[in-house]
Amino acid sequence: MPKSQRYYQPQNSKDAMREIEKLFNKYKDAPITQELVDYHQNLVNRLQTDILAAAVKEGVAERIDSIHSMISVMTKWLQIRLSGQPYNGKMAHFKFVASNANPHFKRQIHKMKGTSNHRASGH
């Protein structure tokens, strides 16, 4: 595999932010190791330098605010996980979303034997 295909090349700052958000959500519940902490610090450093500079160059104020929001979420994650606590949430739209923020509805489909509608009333 050529070296150019091995690394992800973002098109703009938003593309890079989406990729970091996706990576963060993949490893947020993983057990803390020194390797993971280093990887995490590298991503935060990337946000603070390259991606922030690209967003400033693009001149999108909302994106700059989103980068600062991502940095604060990621630094809080590290503090919470290093203190031995579980991280109850994820990053969505470059902001922290708690695990219990969205309502979950129980949905049970009762299948009855027969050819009619599969959501039959179970009398």
C-alpha atoms as a PDB file:
ATOM      1  CA  MET A   1       0.000   0.000   0.000  1.00  0.00           C
ATOM      2  CA  PRO A   2       1.489   3.382  -0.955  1.00  0.00           C
ATOM      3  CA  LYS A   3       2.179   5.762   1.901  1.00  0.00           C
ATOM      4  CA  SER A   4      -0.270   8.348   0.503  1.00  0.00           C
ATOM      5  CA  GLN A   5      -3.190   5.927   0.968  1.00  0.00           C
ATOM      6  CA  ARG A   6      -2.184   4.896   4.484  1.00  0.00           C
ATOM      7  CA  TYR A   7      -3.090   8.180   6.156  1.00  0.00           C
ATOM      8  CA  TYR A   8      -6.414   9.985   6.014  1.00  0.00           C
ATOM      9  CA  GLN A   9      -6.234  13.228   4.065  1.00  0.00           C
ATOM     10  CA  PRO A  10      -9.072  15.584   5.110  1.00  0.00           C
ATOM     11  CA  GLN A  11     -10.501  17.986   2.540  1.00  0.00           C
ATOM     12  CA  ASN A  12     -11.059  20.840   5.019  1.00  0.00           C
ATOM     13  CA  SER A  13     -11.177  21.526   8.770  1.00  0.00           C
ATOM     14  CA  LYS A  14     -14.743  20.215   9.169  1.00  0.00           C
ATOM     15  CA  ASP A  15     -13.778  16.955   7.474  1.00  0.00           C
ATOM     16  CA  ALA A  16     -10.839  16.589   9.872  1.00  0.00           C
ATOM     17  CA  MET A  17     -13.079  17.377  12.861  1.00  0.00           C
ATOM     18  CA  ARG A  18     -15.579  14.705  11.809  1.00  0.00           C
ATOM     19  CA  GLU A  19     -12.776  12.155  11.528  1.00  0.00           C
ATOM     20  CA  ILE A  20     -11.426  12.995  15.007  1.00  0.00           C
ATOM     21  CA  GLU A  21     -14.952  12.808  16.448  1.00  0.00           C
ATOM     22  CA  LYS A  22     -15.409   9.360  14.881  1.00  0.00           C
ATOM     23  CA  LEU A  23     -12.055   8.146  16.246  1.00  0.00           C
ATOM     24  CA  PHE A  24     -12.796   9.568  19.704  1.00  0.00           C
ATOM     25  CA  ASN A  25     -16.164   7.802  19.886  1.00  0.00           C
ATOM     26  CA  LYS A  26     -14.434   4.521  18.955  1.00  0.00           C
ATOM     27  CA  TYR A  27     -11.915   4.594  21.807  1.00  0.00           C
ATOM     28  CA  LYS A  28     -13.767   6.541  24.522  1.00  0.00           C
ATOM     29  CA  ASP A  29     -14.727   3.383  26.472  1.00  0.00           C
ATOM     30  CA  ALA A  30     -11.456   1.505  25.947  1.00  0.00           C
ATOM     31  CA  PRO A  31      -9.294   0.727  28.994  1.00  0.00           C
ATOM     32  CA  ILE A  32      -6.760   3.482  29.695  1.00  0.00           C
ATOM     33  CA  THR A  33      -3.216   2.668  28.628  1.00  0.00           C
ATOM     34  CA  GLN A  34      -0.226   4.940  28.135  1.00  0.00           C
ATOM     35  CA  GLU A  35      -0.486   4.307  24.398  1.00  0.00           C
ATOM     36  CA  LEU A  36      -4.123   5.457  24.357  1.00  0.00           C
ATOM     37  CA  VAL A  37      -3.295   8.576  26.386  1.00  0.00           C
ATOM     38  CA  ASP A  38      -0.493   9.445  23.936  1.00  0.00           C
ATOM     39  CA  TYR A  39      -2.821   8.864  20.962  1.00  0.00           C
ATOM     40  CA  HIS A  40      -5.497  11.031  22.590  1.00  0.00           C
ATOM     41  CA  GLN A  41      -3.003  13.825  23.331  1.00  0.00           C
ATOM     42  CA  ASN A  42      -1.862  13.671  19.704  1.00  0.00           C
ATOM     43  CA  LEU A  43      -5.462  14.161  18.487  1.00  0.00           C
ATOM     44  CA  VAL A  44      -6.018  17.073  20.903  1.00  0.00           C
ATOM     45  CA  ASN A  45      -2.719  18.610  19.787  1.00  0.00           C
ATOM     46  CA  ARG A  46      -3.808  18.257  16.145  1.00  0.00           C
ATOM     47  CA  LEU A  47      -7.057  20.079  16.950  1.00  0.00           C
ATOM     48  CA  GLN A  48      -5.213  22.888  18.739  1.00  0.00           C
ATOM     49  CA  THR A  49      -2.650  23.440  15.984  1.00  0.00           C
ATOM     50  CA  ASP A  50      -3.290  22.266  12.395  1.00  0.00           C
ATOM     51  CA  ILE A  51      -7.078  22.080  12.377  1.00  0.00           C
ATOM     52  CA  LEU A  52      -7.618  25.298  14.351  1.00  0.00           C
ATOM     53  CA  ALA A  53      -5.235  27.112  11.981  1.00  0.00           C
ATOM     54  CA  ALA A  54      -7.116  25.706   8.965  1.00  0.00           C
ATOM     55  CA  ALA A  55     -10.471  26.821  10.433  1.00  0.00           C
ATOM     56  CA  VAL A  56      -9.125  30.326  11.070  1.00  0.00           C
ATOM     57  CA  LYS A  57      -7.854  30.434   7.486  1.00  0.00           C
ATOM     58  CA  GLU A  58     -11.291  29.300   6.217  1.00  0.00           C
ATOM     59  CA  GLY A  59     -12.839  32.080   8.316  1.00  0.00           C
ATOM     60  CA  VAL A  60     -15.801  30.123   9.736  1.00  0.00           C
ATOM     61  CA  ALA A  61     -16.386  31.435  13.276  1.00  0.00           C
ATOM     62  CA  GLU A  62     -18.846  28.651  14.172  1.00  0.00           C
ATOM     63  CA  ARG A  63     -16.253  26.018  13.280  1.00  0.00           C
ATOM     64  CA  ILE A  64     -13.646  27.664  15.504  1.00  0.00           C
ATOM     65  CA  ASP A  65     -16.124  27.528  18.425  1.00  0.00           C
ATOM     66  CA  SER A  66     -16.774  23.850  17.639  1.00  0.00           C
ATOM     67  CA  ILE A  67     -13.037  23.112  17.771  1.00  0.00           C
ATOM     68  CA  HIS A  68     -12.783  24.737  21.208  1.00  0.00           C
ATOM     69  CA  SER A  69     -15.811  22.698  22.325  1.00  0.00           C
ATOM     70  CA  MET A  70     -14.160  19.485  21.067  1.00  0.00           C
ATOM     71  CA  ILE A  71     -10.902  20.306  22.875  1.00  0.00           C
ATOM     72  CA  SER A  72     -12.738  20.876  26.175  1.00  0.00           C
ATOM     73  CA  VAL A  73     -14.737  17.618  25.781  1.00  0.00           C
ATOM     74  CA  MET A  74     -11.573  15.654  25.047  1.00  0.00           C
ATOM     75  CA  THR A  75      -9.593  17.136  27.960  1.00  0.00           C
ATOM     76  CA  LYS A  76     -12.499  16.430  30.355  1.00  0.00           C
ATOM     77  CA  TRP A  77     -12.626  12.858  29.031  1.00  0.00           C
ATOM     78  CA  LEU A  78      -8.977  12.364  29.945  1.00  0.00           C
ATOM     79  CA  GLN A  79      -9.469  13.781  33.463  1.00  0.00           C
ATOM     80  CA  ILE A  80     -12.545  11.592  34.066  1.00  0.00           C
ATOM     81  CA  ARG A  81     -10.919   8.401  32.762  1.00  0.00           C
ATOM     82  CA  LEU A  82      -7.620   8.962  34.601  1.00  0.00           C
ATOM     83  CA  SER A  83      -9.570   9.350  37.857  1.00  0.00           C
ATOM     84  CA  GLY A  84     -10.962   5.857  37.243  1.00  0.00           C
ATOM     85  CA  GLN A  85     -14.525   6.923  36.446  1.00  0.00           C
ATOM     86  CA  PRO A  86     -16.537   5.674  33.450  1.00  0.00           C
ATOM     87  CA  TYR A  87     -17.254   8.202  30.697  1.00  0.00           C
ATOM     88  CA  ASN A  88     -21.027   8.276  30.254  1.00  0.00           C
ATOM     89  CA  GLY A  89     -21.516   9.918  26.929  1.00  0.00           C
ATOM     90  CA  LYS A  90     -20.130  10.467  23.478  1.00  0.00           C
ATOM     91  CA  MET A  91     -19.331  13.277  21.106  1.00  0.00           C
ATOM     92  CA  ALA A  92     -21.983  14.247  18.580  1.00  0.00           C
ATOM     93  CA  HIS A  93     -21.900  17.350  16.376  1.00  0.00           C
ATOM     94  CA  PHE A  94     -18.596  18.255  18.053  1.00  0.00           C
ATOM     95  CA  LYS A  95     -20.217  18.507  21.518  1.00  0.00           C
ATOM     96  CA  PHE A  96     -20.634  16.182  24.520  1.00  0.00           C
ATOM     97  CA  VAL A  97     -23.891  14.229  24.593  1.00  0.00           C
ATOM     98  CA  ALA A  98     -24.741  12.319  27.779  1.00  0.00           C
ATOM     99  CA  SER A  99     -25.725   8.664  27.448  1.00  0.00           C
ATOM    100  CA  ASN A 100     -29.069   9.299  29.138  1.00  0.00           C
ATOM    101  CA  ALA A 101     -29.840  12.503  27.199  1.00  0.00           C
ATOM    102  CA  ASN A 102     -32.020  10.879  24.553  1.00  0.00           C
ATOM    103  CA  PRO A 103     -35.198   9.065  25.563  1.00  0.00           C
ATOM    104  CA  HIS A 104     -35.382   5.384  24.738  1.00  0.00           C
ATOM    105  CA  PHE A 105     -38.739   3.847  23.997  1.00  0.00           C
ATOM    106  CA  LYS A 106     -39.499   0.202  24.537  1.00  0.00           C
ATOM    107  CA  ARG A 107     -40.934  -1.326  21.415  1.00  0.00           C
ATOM    108  CA  GLN A 108     -42.246  -4.852  21.329  1.00  0.00           C
ATOM    109  CA  ILE A 109     -43.832  -6.330  18.278  1.00  0.00           C
ATOM    110  CA  HIS A 110     -46.153  -9.142  19.192  1.00  0.00           C
ATOM    111  CA  LYS A 111     -46.242 -11.647  16.372  1.00  0.00           C
ATOM    112  CA  MET A 112     -49.271 -13.888  16.214  1.00  0.00           C
ATOM    113  CA  LYS A 113     -49.458 -17.024  14.131  1.00  0.00           C
ATOM    114  CA  GLY A 114     -51.386 -16.359  10.979  1.00  0.00           C
ATOM    115  CA  THR A 115     -51.223 -14.550   7.686  1.00  0.00           C
ATOM    116  CA  SER A 116     -52.581 -11.178   8.762  1.00  0.00           C
ATOM    117  CA  ASN A 117     -50.692  -8.138   9.979  1.00  0.00           C
ATOM    118  CA  HIS A 118     -47.588  -9.099  11.995  1.00  0.00           C
ATOM    119  CA  ARG A 119     -48.459  -6.497  14.648  1.00  0.00           C
ATOM    120  CA  ALA A 120     -51.578  -8.376  15.700  1.00  0.00           C
ATOM    121  CA  SER A 121     -53.350  -7.458  18.885  1.00  0.00           C
ATOM    122  CA  GLY A 122     -52.474 -10.120  21.397  1.00  0.00           C
ATOM    123  CA  HIS A 123     -55.873 -10.680  23.005  1.00  0.00           C
END
